């Protein structure tokens, strides 16, 4: 997964060197104390740091594990859950957009 995500970042940067990269972090449910669970979540932060990308720490914050915000499968967010996800992303994206508007245009 790490290699695939890095390849996506590399291809994006090759085609669009000035693109701002946003990485949406995920976590696995803590069904066990296995190191894999914590290592999985750490991949996203490590990739963001390595690539000077902006991180949404956990895309499903407030939604994951909440039956009221997920579809019948309890995995995929329903419409109300999607609104929470949008807020999770917007909290990170809005400051980036504001900052980009403050930069002078390149001539």
PDB file of N, CA and C in Angstrom:
ATOM      1  N   UNK A   1       0.833  -1.183   0.000  1.00  0.00           N
ATOM      2  CA  UNK A   1       0.000   0.000   0.000  1.00  0.00           C
ATOM      3  C   UNK A   1       0.879   1.248   0.000  1.00  0.00           C
ATOM      4  N   UNK A   2       1.899   1.252   0.845  1.00  0.00           N
ATOM      5  CA  UNK A   2       2.795   2.410   0.920  1.00  0.00           C
ATOM      6  C   UNK A   2       3.422   2.689  -0.451  1.00  0.00           C
ATOM      7  N   UNK A   3       3.913   1.652  -1.097  1.00  0.00           N
ATOM      8  CA  UNK A   3       4.551   1.817  -2.410  1.00  0.00           C
ATOM      9  C   UNK A   3       3.553   2.328  -3.443  1.00  0.00           C
ATOM     10  N   UNK A   4       2.340   1.827  -3.404  1.00  0.00           N
ATOM     11  CA  UNK A   4       1.313   2.281  -4.353  1.00  0.00           C
ATOM     12  C   UNK A   4       0.974   3.761  -4.132  1.00  0.00           C
ATOM     13  N   UNK A   5       0.811   4.154  -2.882  1.00  0.00           N
ATOM     14  CA  UNK A   5       0.504   5.552  -2.593  1.00  0.00           C
ATOM     15  C   UNK A   5       1.671   6.454  -2.987  1.00  0.00           C
ATOM     16  N   UNK A   6       2.889   6.000  -2.716  1.00  0.00           N
ATOM     17  CA  UNK A   6       4.055   6.791  -3.093  1.00  0.00           C
ATOM     18  C   UNK A   6       4.133   6.940  -4.618  1.00  0.00           C
ATOM     19  N   UNK A   7       3.796   5.882  -5.338  1.00  0.00           N
ATOM     20  CA  UNK A   7       3.806   5.942  -6.803  1.00  0.00           C
ATOM     21  C   UNK A   7       2.778   6.954  -7.309  1.00  0.00           C
ATOM     22  N   UNK A   8       1.629   7.008  -6.679  1.00  0.00           N
ATOM     23  CA  UNK A   8       0.600   7.983  -7.058  1.00  0.00           C
ATOM     24  C   UNK A   8       1.119   9.404  -6.820  1.00  0.00           C
ATOM     25  N   UNK A   9       1.735   9.619  -5.685  1.00  0.00           N
ATOM     26  CA  UNK A   9       2.291  10.937  -5.368  1.00  0.00           C
ATOM     27  C   UNK A   9       3.386  11.292  -6.375  1.00  0.00           C
ATOM     28  N   UNK A  10       4.260  10.351  -6.660  1.00  0.00           N
ATOM     29  CA  UNK A  10       5.359  10.602  -7.602  1.00  0.00           C
ATOM     30  C   UNK A  10       4.833  10.956  -8.992  1.00  0.00           C
ATOM     31  N   UNK A  11       3.852  10.225  -9.461  1.00  0.00           N
ATOM     32  CA  UNK A  11       3.282  10.498 -10.792  1.00  0.00           C
ATOM     33  C   UNK A  11       2.587  11.854 -10.821  1.00  0.00           C
ATOM     34  N   UNK A  12       1.900  12.175  -9.747  1.00  0.00           N
ATOM     35  CA  UNK A  12       1.230  13.473  -9.674  1.00  0.00           C
ATOM     36  C   UNK A  12       2.250  14.601  -9.694  1.00  0.00           C
ATOM     37  N   UNK A  13       3.294  14.469  -8.883  1.00  0.00           N
ATOM     38  CA  UNK A  13       4.332  15.508  -8.834  1.00  0.00           C
ATOM     39  C   UNK A  13       5.075  15.616 -10.167  1.00  0.00           C
ATOM     40  N   UNK A  14       5.257  14.510 -10.864  1.00  0.00           N
ATOM     41  CA  UNK A  14       5.942  14.551 -12.160  1.00  0.00           C
ATOM     42  C   UNK A  14       5.133  15.350 -13.179  1.00  0.00           C
ATOM     43  N   UNK A  15       3.831  15.172 -13.161  1.00  0.00           N
ATOM     44  CA  UNK A  15       2.967  15.863 -14.127  1.00  0.00           C
ATOM     45  C   UNK A  15       2.579  17.263 -13.675  1.00  0.00           C
ATOM     46  N   UNK A  16       2.505  17.455 -12.364  1.00  0.00           N
ATOM     47  CA  UNK A  16       2.053  18.734 -11.800  1.00  0.00           C
ATOM     48  C   UNK A  16       2.956  19.095 -10.619  1.00  0.00           C
ATOM     49  N   UNK A  17       4.156  19.571 -10.890  1.00  0.00           N
ATOM     50  CA  UNK A  17       5.150  19.799  -9.824  1.00  0.00           C
ATOM     51  C   UNK A  17       4.689  20.734  -8.710  1.00  0.00           C
ATOM     52  N   UNK A  18       3.805  21.651  -9.004  1.00  0.00           N
ATOM     53  CA  UNK A  18       3.362  22.615  -7.987  1.00  0.00           C
ATOM     54  C   UNK A  18       2.053  22.221  -7.306  1.00  0.00           C
ATOM     55  N   UNK A  19       1.563  21.038  -7.597  1.00  0.00           N
ATOM     56  CA  UNK A  19       0.292  20.601  -7.005  1.00  0.00           C
ATOM     57  C   UNK A  19       0.442  20.410  -5.496  1.00  0.00           C
ATOM     58  N   UNK A  20      -0.567  20.846  -4.779  1.00  0.00           N
ATOM     59  CA  UNK A  20      -0.627  20.579  -3.343  1.00  0.00           C
ATOM     60  C   UNK A  20      -1.205  19.179  -3.163  1.00  0.00           C
ATOM     61  N   UNK A  21      -0.542  18.365  -2.379  1.00  0.00           N
ATOM     62  CA  UNK A  21      -0.965  16.982  -2.158  1.00  0.00           C
ATOM     63  C   UNK A  21      -1.651  16.900  -0.793  1.00  0.00           C
ATOM     64  N   UNK A  22      -2.817  16.287  -0.771  1.00  0.00           N
ATOM     65  CA  UNK A  22      -3.541  16.032   0.472  1.00  0.00           C
ATOM     66  C   UNK A  22      -3.687  14.526   0.615  1.00  0.00           C
ATOM     67  N   UNK A  23      -3.285  14.008   1.752  1.00  0.00           N
ATOM     68  CA  UNK A  23      -3.394  12.575   2.030  1.00  0.00           C
ATOM     69  C   UNK A  23      -4.454  12.378   3.109  1.00  0.00           C
ATOM     70  N   UNK A  24      -5.432  11.559   2.796  1.00  0.00           N
ATOM     71  CA  UNK A  24      -6.498  11.251   3.752  1.00  0.00           C
ATOM     72  C   UNK A  24      -6.114   9.990   4.514  1.00  0.00           C
ATOM     73  N   UNK A  25      -5.840  10.151   5.788  1.00  0.00           N
ATOM     74  CA  UNK A  25      -5.422   9.028   6.622  1.00  0.00           C
ATOM     75  C   UNK A  25      -6.566   8.101   6.966  1.00  0.00           C
ATOM     76  N   UNK A  26      -6.221   6.862   7.133  1.00  0.00           N
ATOM     77  CA  UNK A  26      -7.183   5.837   7.544  1.00  0.00           C
ATOM     78  C   UNK A  26      -6.603   5.072   8.720  1.00  0.00           C
ATOM     79  N   UNK A  27      -7.460   4.357   9.408  1.00  0.00           N
ATOM     80  CA  UNK A  27      -7.055   3.509  10.516  1.00  0.00           C
ATOM     81  C   UNK A  27      -7.850   2.220  10.431  1.00  0.00           C
ATOM     82  N   UNK A  28      -7.259   1.172  10.950  1.00  0.00           N
ATOM     83  CA  UNK A  28      -7.973  -0.101  11.035  1.00  0.00           C
ATOM     84  C   UNK A  28      -8.637  -0.201  12.404  1.00  0.00           C
ATOM     85  N   UNK A  29      -9.763  -0.884  12.474  1.00  0.00           N
ATOM     86  CA  UNK A  29     -10.372  -1.112  13.792  1.00  0.00           C
ATOM     87  C   UNK A  29      -9.392  -1.865  14.675  1.00  0.00           C
ATOM     88  N   UNK A  30      -9.368  -1.519  15.933  1.00  0.00           N
ATOM     89  CA  UNK A  30      -8.431  -2.156  16.855  1.00  0.00           C
ATOM     90  C   UNK A  30      -9.026  -3.437  17.430  1.00  0.00           C
ATOM     91  N   UNK A  31      -9.144  -4.444  16.557  1.00  0.00           N
ATOM     92  CA  UNK A  31      -9.668  -5.735  16.983  1.00  0.00           C
ATOM     93  C   UNK A  31      -8.608  -6.558  17.698  1.00  0.00           C
ATOM     94  N   UNK A  32      -7.355  -6.203  17.507  1.00  0.00           N
ATOM     95  CA  UNK A  32      -6.276  -6.926  18.157  1.00  0.00           C
ATOM     96  C   UNK A  32      -5.195  -5.933  18.538  1.00  0.00           C
ATOM     97  N   UNK A  33      -4.246  -6.390  19.330  1.00  0.00           N
ATOM     98  CA  UNK A  33      -3.136  -5.523  19.724  1.00  0.00           C
ATOM     99  C   UNK A  33      -1.961  -5.694  18.773  1.00  0.00           C
ATOM    100  N   UNK A  34      -2.232  -6.263  17.625  1.00  0.00           N
ATOM    101  CA  UNK A  34      -1.211  -6.506  16.612  1.00  0.00           C
ATOM    102  C   UNK A  34      -0.544  -5.204  16.190  1.00  0.00           C
ATOM    103  N   UNK A  35       0.765  -5.236  15.987  1.00  0.00           N
ATOM    104  CA  UNK A  35       1.499  -4.059  15.532  1.00  0.00           C
ATOM    105  C   UNK A  35       1.048  -3.607  14.151  1.00  0.00           C
ATOM    106  N   UNK A  36       0.471  -4.513  13.372  1.00  0.00           N
ATOM    107  CA  UNK A  36       0.018  -4.172  12.021  1.00  0.00           C
ATOM    108  C   UNK A  36      -1.018  -3.059  12.050  1.00  0.00           C
ATOM    109  N   UNK A  37      -1.907  -3.110  13.040  1.00  0.00           N
ATOM    110  CA  UNK A  37      -2.979  -2.119  13.140  1.00  0.00           C
ATOM    111  C   UNK A  37      -2.393  -0.724  13.314  1.00  0.00           C
ATOM    112  N   UNK A  38      -1.446  -0.552  14.225  1.00  0.00           N
ATOM    113  CA  UNK A  38      -0.864   0.775  14.435  1.00  0.00           C
ATOM    114  C   UNK A  38       0.048   1.169  13.279  1.00  0.00           C
ATOM    115  N   UNK A  39       0.754   0.201  12.706  1.00  0.00           N
ATOM    116  CA  UNK A  39       1.636   0.501  11.570  1.00  0.00           C
ATOM    117  C   UNK A  39       0.817   0.972  10.365  1.00  0.00           C
ATOM    118  N   UNK A  40      -0.338   0.368  10.154  1.00  0.00           N
ATOM    119  CA  UNK A  40      -1.196   0.751   9.034  1.00  0.00           C
ATOM    120  C   UNK A  40      -1.542   2.234   9.112  1.00  0.00           C
ATOM    121  N   UNK A  41      -2.026   2.687  10.251  1.00  0.00           N
ATOM    122  CA  UNK A  41      -2.401   4.085  10.417  1.00  0.00           C
ATOM    123  C   UNK A  41      -1.220   5.031  10.284  1.00  0.00           C
ATOM    124  N   UNK A  42      -0.041   4.586  10.676  1.00  0.00           N
ATOM    125  CA  UNK A  42       1.151   5.417  10.614  1.00  0.00           C
ATOM    126  C   UNK A  42       1.674   5.658   9.214  1.00  0.00           C
ATOM    127  N   UNK A  43       1.296   4.822   8.275  1.00  0.00           N
ATOM    128  CA  UNK A  43       1.772   4.956   6.899  1.00  0.00           C
ATOM    129  C   UNK A  43       1.383   6.311   6.320  1.00  0.00           C
ATOM    130  N   UNK A  44       0.174   6.755   6.580  1.00  0.00           N
ATOM    131  CA  UNK A  44      -0.335   7.983   5.988  1.00  0.00           C
ATOM    132  C   UNK A  44       0.422   9.215   6.504  1.00  0.00           C
ATOM    133  N   UNK A  45       0.658   9.255   7.808  1.00  0.00           N
ATOM    134  CA  UNK A  45       1.416  10.374   8.377  1.00  0.00           C
ATOM    135  C   UNK A  45       2.851  10.366   7.863  1.00  0.00           C
ATOM    136  N   UNK A  46       3.450   9.197   7.753  1.00  0.00           N
ATOM    137  CA  UNK A  46       4.824   9.099   7.259  1.00  0.00           C
ATOM    138  C   UNK A  46       4.920   9.560   5.805  1.00  0.00           C
ATOM    139  N   UNK A  47       3.965   9.159   4.989  1.00  0.00           N
ATOM    140  CA  UNK A  47       3.958   9.602   3.594  1.00  0.00           C
ATOM    141  C   UNK A  47       3.758  11.112   3.485  1.00  0.00           C
ATOM    142  N   UNK A  48       2.876  11.654   4.307  1.00  0.00           N
ATOM    143  CA  UNK A  48       2.640  13.100   4.283  1.00  0.00           C
ATOM    144  C   UNK A  48       3.917  13.843   4.661  1.00  0.00           C
ATOM    145  N   UNK A  49       4.589  13.379   5.689  1.00  0.00           N
ATOM    146  CA  UNK A  49       5.821  14.043   6.109  1.00  0.00           C
ATOM    147  C   UNK A  49       6.907  13.931   5.038  1.00  0.00           C
ATOM    148  N   UNK A  50       7.101  12.740   4.523  1.00  0.00           N
ATOM    149  CA  UNK A  50       8.130  12.511   3.508  1.00  0.00           C
ATOM    150  C   UNK A  50       7.913  13.367   2.267  1.00  0.00           C
ATOM    151  N   UNK A  51       6.657  13.555   1.886  1.00  0.00           N
ATOM    152  CA  UNK A  51       6.324  14.240   0.637  1.00  0.00           C
ATOM    153  C   UNK A  51       5.868  15.682   0.831  1.00  0.00           C
ATOM    154  N   UNK A  52       6.029  16.207   2.041  1.00  0.00           N
ATOM    155  CA  UNK A  52       5.591  17.569   2.344  1.00  0.00           C
ATOM    156  C   UNK A  52       4.138  17.764   1.895  1.00  0.00           C
ATOM    157  N   UNK A  53       3.320  16.794   2.240  1.00  0.00           N
ATOM    158  CA  UNK A  53       1.898  16.822   1.886  1.00  0.00           C
ATOM    159  C   UNK A  53       1.085  17.180   3.127  1.00  0.00           C
ATOM    160  N   UNK A  54      -0.112  17.609   2.900  1.00  0.00           N
ATOM    161  CA  UNK A  54      -1.033  17.913   3.991  1.00  0.00           C
ATOM    162  C   UNK A  54      -1.795  16.649   4.344  1.00  0.00           C
ATOM    163  N   UNK A  55      -2.001  16.439   5.625  1.00  0.00           N
ATOM    164  CA  UNK A  55      -2.639  15.205   6.102  1.00  0.00           C
ATOM    165  C   UNK A  55      -3.995  15.481   6.725  1.00  0.00           C
ATOM    166  N   UNK A  56      -4.997  14.739   6.284  1.00  0.00           N
ATOM    167  CA  UNK A  56      -6.252  14.620   7.010  1.00  0.00           C
ATOM    168  C   UNK A  56      -5.994  13.422   7.929  1.00  0.00           C
ATOM    169  N   UNK A  57      -5.813  13.645   9.232  1.00  0.00           N
ATOM    170  CA  UNK A  57      -5.333  12.558  10.099  1.00  0.00           C
ATOM    171  C   UNK A  57      -6.149  11.265  10.019  1.00  0.00           C
ATOM    172  N   UNK A  58      -7.453  11.387  10.034  1.00  0.00           N
ATOM    173  CA  UNK A  58      -8.309  10.196   9.964  1.00  0.00           C
ATOM    174  C   UNK A  58      -9.603  10.592   9.265  1.00  0.00           C
ATOM    175  N   UNK A  59      -9.730  10.193   8.024  1.00  0.00           N
ATOM    176  CA  UNK A  59     -10.882  10.572   7.210  1.00  0.00           C
ATOM    177  C   UNK A  59     -12.206  10.225   7.887  1.00  0.00           C
ATOM    178  N   UNK A  60     -12.277   9.088   8.541  1.00  0.00           N
ATOM    179  CA  UNK A  60     -13.534   8.614   9.131  1.00  0.00           C
ATOM    180  C   UNK A  60     -13.739   9.064  10.583  1.00  0.00           C
ATOM    181  N   UNK A  61     -12.992  10.080  11.018  1.00  0.00           N
ATOM    182  CA  UNK A  61     -13.135  10.585  12.384  1.00  0.00           C
ATOM    183  C   UNK A  61     -14.595  10.928  12.664  1.00  0.00           C
ATOM    184  N   UNK A  62     -15.133  10.372  13.747  1.00  0.00           N
ATOM    185  CA  UNK A  62     -16.512  10.633  14.117  1.00  0.00           C
ATOM    186  C   UNK A  62     -17.538   9.782  13.391  1.00  0.00           C
ATOM    187  N   UNK A  63     -17.086   9.040  12.369  1.00  0.00           N
ATOM    188  CA  UNK A  63     -18.000   8.225  11.562  1.00  0.00           C
ATOM    189  C   UNK A  63     -17.720   6.735  11.747  1.00  0.00           C
ATOM    190  N   UNK A  64     -16.443   6.378  11.720  1.00  0.00           N
ATOM    191  CA  UNK A  64     -16.064   4.969  11.852  1.00  0.00           C
ATOM    192  C   UNK A  64     -16.602   4.363  13.134  1.00  0.00           C
ATOM    193  N   UNK A  65     -17.305   3.261  12.997  1.00  0.00           N
ATOM    194  CA  UNK A  65     -17.867   2.568  14.149  1.00  0.00           C
ATOM    195  C   UNK A  65     -19.184   3.126  14.649  1.00  0.00           C
ATOM    196  N   UNK A  66     -19.692   4.176  14.048  1.00  0.00           N
ATOM    197  CA  UNK A  66     -20.964   4.764  14.473  1.00  0.00           C
ATOM    198  C   UNK A  66     -22.074   4.260  13.556  1.00  0.00           C
ATOM    199  N   UNK A  67     -22.908   3.334  14.027  1.00  0.00           N
ATOM    200  CA  UNK A  67     -23.947   2.754  13.173  1.00  0.00           C
ATOM    201  C   UNK A  67     -24.915   3.792  12.596  1.00  0.00           C
ATOM    202  N   UNK A  68     -25.136   4.893  13.305  1.00  0.00           N
ATOM    203  CA  UNK A  68     -26.061   5.917  12.825  1.00  0.00           C
ATOM    204  C   UNK A  68     -25.511   6.661  11.608  1.00  0.00           C
ATOM    205  N   UNK A  69     -24.201   6.589  11.386  1.00  0.00           N
ATOM    206  CA  UNK A  69     -23.587   7.322  10.289  1.00  0.00           C
ATOM    207  C   UNK A  69     -23.072   6.409   9.175  1.00  0.00           C
ATOM    208  N   UNK A  70     -23.415   5.118   9.276  1.00  0.00           N
ATOM    209  CA  UNK A  70     -22.963   4.155   8.276  1.00  0.00           C
ATOM    210  C   UNK A  70     -24.138   3.399   7.678  1.00  0.00           C
ATOM    211  N   UNK A  71     -23.891   2.858   6.495  1.00  0.00           N
ATOM    212  CA  UNK A  71     -24.908   2.045   5.829  1.00  0.00           C
ATOM    213  C   UNK A  71     -25.059   0.721   6.567  1.00  0.00           C
ATOM    214  N   UNK A  72     -25.945  -0.108   6.080  1.00  0.00           N
ATOM    215  CA  UNK A  72     -26.253  -1.380   6.727  1.00  0.00           C
ATOM    216  C   UNK A  72     -25.016  -2.247   6.946  1.00  0.00           C
ATOM    217  N   UNK A  73     -23.991  -2.091   6.107  1.00  0.00           N
ATOM    218  CA  UNK A  73     -22.788  -2.913   6.248  1.00  0.00           C
ATOM    219  C   UNK A  73     -21.873  -2.422   7.371  1.00  0.00           C
ATOM    220  N   UNK A  74     -22.213  -1.267   7.948  1.00  0.00           N
ATOM    221  CA  UNK A  74     -21.447  -0.658   9.040  1.00  0.00           C
ATOM    222  C   UNK A  74     -20.007  -0.329   8.658  1.00  0.00           C
ATOM    223  N   UNK A  75     -19.745  -0.232   7.368  1.00  0.00           N
ATOM    224  CA  UNK A  75     -18.415   0.087   6.864  1.00  0.00           C
ATOM    225  C   UNK A  75     -18.441   1.382   6.059  1.00  0.00           C
ATOM    226  N   UNK A  76     -19.446   1.529   5.227  1.00  0.00           N
ATOM    227  CA  UNK A  76     -19.516   2.663   4.307  1.00  0.00           C
ATOM    228  C   UNK A  76     -20.452   3.734   4.850  1.00  0.00           C
ATOM    229  N   UNK A  77     -19.993   4.983   4.917  1.00  0.00           N
ATOM    230  CA  UNK A  77     -20.826   6.063   5.459  1.00  0.00           C
ATOM    231  C   UNK A  77     -22.102   6.296   4.650  1.00  0.00           C
ATOM    232  N   UNK A  78     -23.168   6.608   5.371  1.00  0.00           N
ATOM    233  CA  UNK A  78     -24.421   6.990   4.728  1.00  0.00           C
ATOM    234  C   UNK A  78     -24.368   8.497   4.440  1.00  0.00           C
ATOM    235  N   UNK A  79     -25.474   9.089   4.028  1.00  0.00           N
ATOM    236  CA  UNK A  79     -25.482  10.511   3.668  1.00  0.00           C
ATOM    237  C   UNK A  79     -25.056  11.394   4.840  1.00  0.00           C
ATOM    238  N   UNK A  80     -25.550  11.094   6.032  1.00  0.00           N
ATOM    239  CA  UNK A  80     -25.156  11.882   7.204  1.00  0.00           C
ATOM    240  C   UNK A  80     -23.668  11.701   7.502  1.00  0.00           C
ATOM    241  N   UNK A  81     -23.180  10.489   7.348  1.00  0.00           N
ATOM    242  CA  UNK A  81     -21.752  10.219   7.549  1.00  0.00           C
ATOM    243  C   UNK A  81     -20.892  10.930   6.525  1.00  0.00           C
ATOM    244  N   UNK A  82     -21.379  11.020   5.295  1.00  0.00           N
ATOM    245  CA  UNK A  82     -20.636  11.720   4.246  1.00  0.00           C
ATOM    246  C   UNK A  82     -20.486  13.204   4.580  1.00  0.00           C
ATOM    247  N   UNK A  83     -21.496  13.772   5.218  1.00  0.00           N
ATOM    248  CA  UNK A  83     -21.388  15.185   5.619  1.00  0.00           C
ATOM    249  C   UNK A  83     -20.277  15.356   6.657  1.00  0.00           C
ATOM    250  N   UNK A  84     -20.144  14.406   7.561  1.00  0.00           N
ATOM    251  CA  UNK A  84     -19.071  14.467   8.558  1.00  0.00           C
ATOM    252  C   UNK A  84     -17.717  14.321   7.870  1.00  0.00           C
ATOM    253  N   UNK A  85     -17.608  13.387   6.923  1.00  0.00           N
ATOM    254  CA  UNK A  85     -16.367  13.230   6.168  1.00  0.00           C
ATOM    255  C   UNK A  85     -15.999  14.520   5.445  1.00  0.00           C
ATOM    256  N   UNK A  86     -16.989  15.160   4.836  1.00  0.00           N
ATOM    257  CA  UNK A  86     -16.735  16.426   4.137  1.00  0.00           C
ATOM    258  C   UNK A  86     -16.183  17.472   5.106  1.00  0.00           C
ATOM    259  N   UNK A  87     -16.723  17.527   6.306  1.00  0.00           N
ATOM    260  CA  UNK A  87     -16.218  18.464   7.315  1.00  0.00           C
ATOM    261  C   UNK A  87     -14.785  18.108   7.718  1.00  0.00           C
ATOM    262  N   UNK A  88     -14.506  16.810   7.843  1.00  0.00           N
ATOM    263  CA  UNK A  88     -13.145  16.377   8.195  1.00  0.00           C
ATOM    264  C   UNK A  88     -12.137  16.849   7.156  1.00  0.00           C
ATOM    265  N   UNK A  89     -12.511  16.751   5.895  1.00  0.00           N
ATOM    266  CA  UNK A  89     -11.622  17.181   4.814  1.00  0.00           C
ATOM    267  C   UNK A  89     -11.570  18.706   4.765  1.00  0.00           C
ATOM    268  N   UNK A  90     -12.707  19.357   4.897  1.00  0.00           N
ATOM    269  CA  UNK A  90     -12.760  20.810   4.795  1.00  0.00           C
ATOM    270  C   UNK A  90     -11.915  21.489   5.876  1.00  0.00           C
ATOM    271  N   UNK A  91     -11.875  20.895   7.079  1.00  0.00           N
ATOM    272  CA  UNK A  91     -11.063  21.447   8.164  1.00  0.00           C
ATOM    273  C   UNK A  91      -9.594  21.567   7.753  1.00  0.00           C
ATOM    274  N   UNK A  92      -9.144  20.673   6.894  1.00  0.00           N
ATOM    275  CA  UNK A  92      -7.756  20.680   6.423  1.00  0.00           C
ATOM    276  C   UNK A  92      -7.623  21.463   5.118  1.00  0.00           C
ATOM    277  N   UNK A  93      -8.598  21.315   4.252  1.00  0.00           N
ATOM    278  CA  UNK A  93      -8.527  21.922   2.925  1.00  0.00           C
ATOM    279  C   UNK A  93      -8.733  23.439   2.943  1.00  0.00           C
ATOM    280  N   UNK A  94      -9.648  23.919   3.768  1.00  0.00           N
ATOM    281  CA  UNK A  94      -9.938  25.356   3.789  1.00  0.00           C
ATOM    282  C   UNK A  94      -8.698  26.205   4.085  1.00  0.00           C
ATOM    283  N   UNK A  95      -7.904  25.896   5.114  1.00  0.00           N
ATOM    284  CA  UNK A  95      -6.706  26.714   5.342  1.00  0.00           C
ATOM    285  C   UNK A  95      -5.724  26.666   4.170  1.00  0.00           C
ATOM    286  N   UNK A  96      -5.632  25.535   3.495  1.00  0.00           N
ATOM    287  CA  UNK A  96      -4.760  25.436   2.325  1.00  0.00           C
ATOM    288  C   UNK A  96      -5.234  26.377   1.231  1.00  0.00           C
ATOM    289  N   UNK A  97      -6.532  26.394   0.993  1.00  0.00           N
ATOM    290  CA  UNK A  97      -7.088  27.249  -0.050  1.00  0.00           C
ATOM    291  C   UNK A  97      -6.933  28.728   0.296  1.00  0.00           C
ATOM    292  N   UNK A  98      -7.148  29.050   1.556  1.00  0.00           N
ATOM    293  CA  UNK A  98      -6.971  30.445   1.984  1.00  0.00           C
ATOM    294  C   UNK A  98      -5.519  30.876   1.784  1.00  0.00           C
ATOM    295  N   UNK A  99      -4.603  30.019   2.150  1.00  0.00           N
ATOM    296  CA  UNK A  99      -3.177  30.327   2.015  1.00  0.00           C
ATOM    297  C   UNK A  99      -2.803  30.497   0.547  1.00  0.00           C
ATOM    298  N   UNK A 100      -3.341  29.657  -0.324  1.00  0.00           N
ATOM    299  CA  UNK A 100      -3.017  29.750  -1.751  1.00  0.00           C
ATOM    300  C   UNK A 100      -3.566  31.037  -2.367  1.00  0.00           C
ATOM    301  N   UNK A 101      -4.659  31.533  -1.842  1.00  0.00           N
ATOM    302  CA  UNK A 101      -5.239  32.789  -2.350  1.00  0.00           C
ATOM    303  C   UNK A 101      -4.389  33.982  -1.949  1.00  0.00           C
ATOM    304  N   UNK A 102      -3.638  33.857  -0.861  1.00  0.00           N
ATOM    305  CA  UNK A 102      -2.803  34.944  -0.377  1.00  0.00           C
ATOM    306  C   UNK A 102      -1.511  35.089  -1.166  1.00  0.00           C
ATOM    307  N   UNK A 103      -1.098  34.022  -1.843  1.00  0.00           N
ATOM    308  CA  UNK A 103       0.149  34.061  -2.614  1.00  0.00           C
ATOM    309  C   UNK A 103      -0.054  34.877  -3.871  1.00  0.00           C
ATOM    310  N   UNK A 104       0.936  35.686  -4.235  1.00  0.00           N
ATOM    311  CA  UNK A 104       0.811  36.440  -5.491  1.00  0.00           C
ATOM    312  C   UNK A 104       0.867  35.517  -6.689  1.00  0.00           C
ATOM    313  N   UNK A 105       0.161  35.883  -7.722  1.00  0.00           N
ATOM    314  CA  UNK A 105       0.126  35.077  -8.943  1.00  0.00           C
ATOM    315  C   UNK A 105       1.500  35.085  -9.607  1.00  0.00           C
ATOM    316  N   UNK A 106       1.870  33.955 -10.184  1.00  0.00           N
ATOM    317  CA  UNK A 106       3.122  33.867 -10.926  1.00  0.00           C
ATOM    318  C   UNK A 106       2.934  34.481 -12.296  1.00  0.00           C
ATOM    319  N   UNK A 107       3.868  35.288 -12.719  1.00  0.00           N
ATOM    320  CA  UNK A 107       3.771  35.915 -14.043  1.00  0.00           C
ATOM    321  C   UNK A 107       4.637  35.208 -15.040  1.00  0.00           C
TER     322      UNK A 107
END
